[in-house]
Amino acid sequence: MRAALEEDPAWLGVYAEFGRRLRTDADFRERWKQRTPPEVERRILDRIAASQRSGDLRDDLDAKEIARLIGLILDGLVIQRAFGFDPPANESVTGLLRDALAPR
């Protein structure tokens, strides 16, 4: 999150274009799938699950749901920055996300 808030907005436009290509270009999407091993998603989910077990993250949600929430927030930040909107305060975003995912 911190990196997305601090990244050059011109570079973040590449992120949006990348998403468009994944959605509209089947050959590009297939090449991406071949370069991104399934273990990457598994490692992310394992890290979230470990944080849940250790009490750092709430455990009433599935690790995939938490990953999706983080992805949605990250995508929103990137799109807003790429479109030229001023970023919110870094501490505000990370604090709200931390509060949302804090153990209950």
N, C-alpha and C. Protein backbone atom coordinates (compact mmCIF):
# COMPACT_ATOMS: atom_id res chain seq x y z
N MET A 1 0.83 -1.18 0.00
CA MET A 1 0.00 0.00 0.00
C MET A 1 0.88 1.25 0.00
N ARG A 2 1.88 1.21 0.86
CA ARG A 2 2.75 2.39 0.95
C ARG A 2 3.41 2.70 -0.39
N ALA A 3 3.88 1.67 -1.07
CA ALA A 3 4.55 1.87 -2.36
C ALA A 3 3.57 2.45 -3.39
N ALA A 4 2.34 1.96 -3.41
CA ALA A 4 1.35 2.46 -4.37
C ALA A 4 1.04 3.93 -4.11
N LEU A 5 1.03 4.33 -2.86
CA LEU A 5 0.74 5.73 -2.53
C LEU A 5 1.89 6.65 -2.90
N GLU A 6 3.09 6.10 -2.97
CA GLU A 6 4.27 6.93 -3.24
C GLU A 6 4.75 6.83 -4.67
N GLU A 7 4.23 5.89 -5.45
CA GLU A 7 4.69 5.65 -6.82
C GLU A 7 4.31 6.79 -7.74
N ASP A 8 5.11 7.00 -8.76
CA ASP A 8 4.85 8.00 -9.79
C ASP A 8 3.53 7.65 -10.50
N PRO A 9 2.57 8.57 -10.53
CA PRO A 9 1.28 8.28 -11.17
C PRO A 9 1.41 7.85 -12.63
N ALA A 10 2.41 8.37 -13.35
CA ALA A 10 2.58 7.97 -14.75
C ALA A 10 2.89 6.47 -14.84
N TRP A 11 3.68 5.97 -13.92
CA TRP A 11 4.01 4.56 -13.92
C TRP A 11 2.78 3.71 -13.56
N LEU A 12 1.95 4.23 -12.67
CA LEU A 12 0.77 3.48 -12.25
C LEU A 12 -0.22 3.29 -13.40
N GLY A 13 -0.16 4.14 -14.42
CA GLY A 13 -0.98 3.94 -15.61
C GLY A 13 -0.68 2.63 -16.30
N VAL A 14 0.56 2.18 -16.17
CA VAL A 14 0.94 0.89 -16.74
C VAL A 14 0.15 -0.23 -16.07
N TYR A 15 -0.09 -0.09 -14.78
CA TYR A 15 -0.87 -1.07 -14.02
C TYR A 15 -2.27 -1.20 -14.59
N ALA A 16 -2.89 -0.06 -14.89
CA ALA A 16 -4.24 -0.07 -15.47
C ALA A 16 -4.22 -0.70 -16.86
N GLU A 17 -3.23 -0.37 -17.65
CA GLU A 17 -3.12 -0.95 -18.99
C GLU A 17 -2.89 -2.46 -18.90
N PHE A 18 -2.10 -2.87 -17.94
CA PHE A 18 -1.84 -4.29 -17.74
C PHE A 18 -3.15 -5.03 -17.45
N GLY A 19 -3.98 -4.45 -16.58
CA GLY A 19 -5.27 -5.06 -16.27
C GLY A 19 -6.17 -5.14 -17.48
N ARG A 20 -6.16 -4.09 -18.29
CA ARG A 20 -6.97 -4.10 -19.51
C ARG A 20 -6.53 -5.21 -20.46
N ARG A 21 -5.22 -5.36 -20.60
CA ARG A 21 -4.70 -6.41 -21.49
C ARG A 21 -5.03 -7.80 -20.96
N LEU A 22 -4.94 -7.98 -19.66
CA LEU A 22 -5.31 -9.29 -19.09
C LEU A 22 -6.77 -9.62 -19.39
N ARG A 23 -7.62 -8.60 -19.36
CA ARG A 23 -9.05 -8.80 -19.57
C ARG A 23 -9.40 -9.01 -21.04
N THR A 24 -8.69 -8.35 -21.94
CA THR A 24 -9.10 -8.33 -23.35
C THR A 24 -8.24 -9.14 -24.30
N ASP A 25 -7.06 -9.55 -23.88
CA ASP A 25 -6.13 -10.23 -24.79
C ASP A 25 -5.82 -11.63 -24.25
N ALA A 26 -6.50 -12.64 -24.83
CA ALA A 26 -6.37 -14.02 -24.34
C ALA A 26 -4.93 -14.53 -24.43
N ASP A 27 -4.22 -14.19 -25.49
CA ASP A 27 -2.82 -14.64 -25.62
C ASP A 27 -1.95 -14.02 -24.52
N PHE A 28 -2.14 -12.74 -24.28
CA PHE A 28 -1.39 -12.06 -23.22
C PHE A 28 -1.71 -12.70 -21.87
N ARG A 29 -2.99 -12.95 -21.62
CA ARG A 29 -3.42 -13.56 -20.34
C ARG A 29 -2.77 -14.93 -20.16
N GLU A 30 -2.72 -15.72 -21.23
CA GLU A 30 -2.12 -17.06 -21.13
C GLU A 30 -0.62 -16.96 -20.87
N ARG A 31 0.06 -16.04 -21.54
CA ARG A 31 1.49 -15.86 -21.29
C ARG A 31 1.73 -15.45 -19.84
N TRP A 32 0.87 -14.58 -19.31
CA TRP A 32 1.00 -14.14 -17.92
C TRP A 32 0.81 -15.31 -16.97
N LYS A 33 -0.18 -16.14 -17.23
CA LYS A 33 -0.42 -17.30 -16.37
C LYS A 33 0.79 -18.23 -16.35
N GLN A 34 1.44 -18.38 -17.49
CA GLN A 34 2.62 -19.25 -17.56
C GLN A 34 3.80 -18.66 -16.81
N ARG A 35 3.87 -17.33 -16.73
CA ARG A 35 4.99 -16.68 -16.02
C ARG A 35 4.73 -16.53 -14.53
N THR A 36 3.48 -16.64 -14.13
CA THR A 36 3.12 -16.47 -12.73
C THR A 36 2.70 -17.82 -12.16
N PRO A 37 3.61 -18.50 -11.53
CA PRO A 37 3.27 -19.83 -11.01
C PRO A 37 2.19 -19.78 -9.94
N PRO A 38 1.38 -20.84 -9.87
CA PRO A 38 0.32 -20.88 -8.86
C PRO A 38 0.85 -20.76 -7.43
N GLU A 39 2.13 -21.07 -7.24
CA GLU A 39 2.70 -20.99 -5.89
C GLU A 39 2.69 -19.56 -5.34
N VAL A 40 2.70 -18.57 -6.23
CA VAL A 40 2.71 -17.18 -5.77
C VAL A 40 1.44 -16.91 -4.96
N GLU A 41 0.28 -17.27 -5.52
CA GLU A 41 -0.97 -17.06 -4.78
C GLU A 41 -0.97 -17.89 -3.51
N ARG A 42 -0.48 -19.11 -3.58
CA ARG A 42 -0.45 -19.98 -2.42
C ARG A 42 0.42 -19.37 -1.32
N ARG A 43 1.57 -18.80 -1.67
CA ARG A 43 2.44 -18.17 -0.66
C ARG A 43 1.76 -16.98 0.01
N ILE A 44 1.03 -16.19 -0.79
CA ILE A 44 0.31 -15.05 -0.22
C ILE A 44 -0.75 -15.54 0.76
N LEU A 45 -1.52 -16.53 0.34
CA LEU A 45 -2.58 -17.06 1.21
C LEU A 45 -1.99 -17.71 2.45
N ASP A 46 -0.87 -18.40 2.30
CA ASP A 46 -0.21 -19.02 3.46
C ASP A 46 0.26 -17.96 4.44
N ARG A 47 0.77 -16.85 3.93
CA ARG A 47 1.24 -15.77 4.81
C ARG A 47 0.07 -15.15 5.57
N ILE A 48 -1.04 -14.94 4.88
CA ILE A 48 -2.23 -14.41 5.54
C ILE A 48 -2.72 -15.38 6.61
N ALA A 49 -2.79 -16.67 6.26
CA ALA A 49 -3.25 -17.69 7.22
C ALA A 49 -2.33 -17.74 8.44
N ALA A 50 -1.02 -17.63 8.22
CA ALA A 50 -0.08 -17.63 9.34
C ALA A 50 -0.31 -16.42 10.24
N SER A 51 -0.60 -15.27 9.63
CA SER A 51 -0.88 -14.07 10.41
C SER A 51 -2.19 -14.22 11.19
N GLN A 52 -3.14 -14.95 10.63
CA GLN A 52 -4.38 -15.22 11.35
C GLN A 52 -4.11 -16.13 12.55
N ARG A 53 -3.32 -17.18 12.33
CA ARG A 53 -3.02 -18.12 13.41
C ARG A 53 -2.25 -17.46 14.54
N SER A 54 -1.37 -16.52 14.19
CA SER A 54 -0.56 -15.86 15.21
C SER A 54 -1.33 -14.75 15.93
N GLY A 55 -2.55 -14.46 15.47
CA GLY A 55 -3.36 -13.42 16.11
C GLY A 55 -3.13 -12.03 15.57
N ASP A 56 -2.36 -11.91 14.49
CA ASP A 56 -2.11 -10.59 13.92
C ASP A 56 -3.26 -10.11 13.01
N LEU A 57 -4.01 -11.05 12.45
CA LEU A 57 -5.15 -10.73 11.59
C LEU A 57 -6.38 -11.45 12.09
N ARG A 58 -7.53 -10.86 11.84
CA ARG A 58 -8.78 -11.49 12.25
C ARG A 58 -8.90 -12.87 11.60
N ASP A 59 -9.51 -13.79 12.32
CA ASP A 59 -9.62 -15.16 11.82
C ASP A 59 -11.05 -15.57 11.49
N ASP A 60 -11.95 -14.59 11.48
CA ASP A 60 -13.33 -14.90 11.13
C ASP A 60 -13.59 -14.79 9.63
N LEU A 61 -12.56 -14.47 8.87
CA LEU A 61 -12.65 -14.40 7.42
C LEU A 61 -11.68 -15.40 6.80
N ASP A 62 -12.03 -15.89 5.65
CA ASP A 62 -11.16 -16.77 4.89
C ASP A 62 -9.96 -15.97 4.38
N ALA A 63 -8.81 -16.60 4.31
CA ALA A 63 -7.60 -15.91 3.84
C ALA A 63 -7.81 -15.33 2.44
N LYS A 64 -8.56 -16.03 1.59
CA LYS A 64 -8.84 -15.52 0.24
C LYS A 64 -9.67 -14.24 0.29
N GLU A 65 -10.60 -14.15 1.24
CA GLU A 65 -11.40 -12.93 1.37
C GLU A 65 -10.52 -11.75 1.79
N ILE A 66 -9.59 -12.01 2.68
CA ILE A 66 -8.68 -10.95 3.12
C ILE A 66 -7.79 -10.51 1.96
N ALA A 67 -7.26 -11.48 1.22
CA ALA A 67 -6.42 -11.15 0.07
C ALA A 67 -7.19 -10.33 -0.95
N ARG A 68 -8.44 -10.69 -1.18
CA ARG A 68 -9.26 -9.96 -2.14
C ARG A 68 -9.51 -8.52 -1.66
N LEU A 69 -9.78 -8.34 -0.37
CA LEU A 69 -9.98 -7.00 0.16
C LEU A 69 -8.72 -6.15 -0.03
N ILE A 70 -7.58 -6.70 0.30
CA ILE A 70 -6.32 -5.97 0.13
C ILE A 70 -6.12 -5.62 -1.34
N GLY A 71 -6.41 -6.58 -2.23
CA GLY A 71 -6.29 -6.32 -3.67
C GLY A 71 -7.22 -5.22 -4.15
N LEU A 72 -8.44 -5.22 -3.64
CA LEU A 72 -9.40 -4.18 -4.03
C LEU A 72 -8.93 -2.80 -3.59
N ILE A 73 -8.42 -2.72 -2.38
CA ILE A 73 -7.94 -1.43 -1.89
C ILE A 73 -6.71 -0.98 -2.70
N LEU A 74 -5.81 -1.90 -2.94
CA LEU A 74 -4.62 -1.58 -3.73
C LEU A 74 -5.00 -1.13 -5.14
N ASP A 75 -5.91 -1.86 -5.78
CA ASP A 75 -6.34 -1.48 -7.13
C ASP A 75 -6.97 -0.09 -7.13
N GLY A 76 -7.80 0.19 -6.13
CA GLY A 76 -8.42 1.51 -6.04
C GLY A 76 -7.40 2.62 -5.88
N LEU A 77 -6.40 2.39 -5.04
CA LEU A 77 -5.34 3.39 -4.85
C LEU A 77 -4.58 3.63 -6.14
N VAL A 78 -4.24 2.55 -6.81
CA VAL A 78 -3.48 2.67 -8.05
C VAL A 78 -4.28 3.43 -9.11
N ILE A 79 -5.54 3.08 -9.26
CA ILE A 79 -6.37 3.74 -10.28
C ILE A 79 -6.51 5.23 -9.97
N GLN A 80 -6.80 5.56 -8.72
CA GLN A 80 -6.93 6.97 -8.37
C GLN A 80 -5.64 7.73 -8.63
N ARG A 81 -4.52 7.15 -8.26
CA ARG A 81 -3.23 7.81 -8.50
C ARG A 81 -2.95 7.93 -9.99
N ALA A 82 -3.22 6.87 -10.76
CA ALA A 82 -2.98 6.90 -12.20
C ALA A 82 -3.86 7.94 -12.89
N PHE A 83 -5.05 8.19 -12.35
CA PHE A 83 -5.97 9.17 -12.92
C PHE A 83 -5.67 10.59 -12.45
N GLY A 84 -4.66 10.75 -11.60
CA GLY A 84 -4.22 12.07 -11.21
C GLY A 84 -4.78 12.61 -9.90
N PHE A 85 -5.52 11.79 -9.17
CA PHE A 85 -6.03 12.24 -7.88
C PHE A 85 -4.91 12.21 -6.84
N ASP A 86 -4.96 13.15 -5.92
CA ASP A 86 -3.97 13.17 -4.84
C ASP A 86 -4.16 11.94 -3.96
N PRO A 87 -3.06 11.36 -3.52
CA PRO A 87 -3.18 10.18 -2.66
C PRO A 87 -3.64 10.56 -1.26
N PRO A 88 -4.37 9.65 -0.62
CA PRO A 88 -4.68 9.89 0.79
C PRO A 88 -3.40 9.74 1.61
N ALA A 89 -3.44 10.19 2.83
CA ALA A 89 -2.28 10.03 3.71
C ALA A 89 -1.98 8.55 3.89
N ASN A 90 -0.71 8.21 3.76
CA ASN A 90 -0.29 6.82 3.89
C ASN A 90 -0.78 6.20 5.19
N GLU A 91 -0.63 6.94 6.29
CA GLU A 91 -1.03 6.43 7.60
C GLU A 91 -2.53 6.19 7.67
N SER A 92 -3.29 7.00 6.95
CA SER A 92 -4.74 6.86 6.95
C SER A 92 -5.15 5.53 6.31
N VAL A 93 -4.59 5.24 5.15
CA VAL A 93 -4.96 4.00 4.44
C VAL A 93 -4.48 2.78 5.21
N THR A 94 -3.24 2.77 5.61
CA THR A 94 -2.72 1.60 6.31
C THR A 94 -3.41 1.43 7.66
N GLY A 95 -3.71 2.55 8.33
CA GLY A 95 -4.41 2.47 9.62
C GLY A 95 -5.82 1.90 9.47
N LEU A 96 -6.55 2.37 8.47
CA LEU A 96 -7.90 1.86 8.24
C LEU A 96 -7.88 0.37 7.87
N LEU A 97 -6.92 -0.01 7.03
CA LEU A 97 -6.81 -1.42 6.66
C LEU A 97 -6.44 -2.26 7.88
N ARG A 98 -5.52 -1.77 8.67
CA ARG A 98 -5.13 -2.49 9.89
C ARG A 98 -6.32 -2.65 10.82
N ASP A 99 -7.11 -1.59 10.98
CA ASP A 99 -8.31 -1.67 11.83
C ASP A 99 -9.31 -2.66 11.28
N ALA A 100 -9.49 -2.66 9.97
CA ALA A 100 -10.46 -3.58 9.36
C ALA A 100 -10.06 -5.04 9.53
N LEU A 101 -8.76 -5.29 9.56
CA LEU A 101 -8.28 -6.67 9.63
C LEU A 101 -7.78 -7.09 11.01
N ALA A 102 -7.90 -6.19 11.96
CA ALA A 102 -7.45 -6.51 13.33
C ALA A 102 -8.30 -7.65 13.92
N PRO A 103 -7.68 -8.46 14.75
CA PRO A 103 -8.44 -9.55 15.39
C PRO A 103 -9.64 -9.00 16.14
N ARG A 104 -10.71 -9.72 16.11
CA ARG A 104 -11.96 -9.32 16.78
C ARG A 104 -12.00 -9.89 18.17
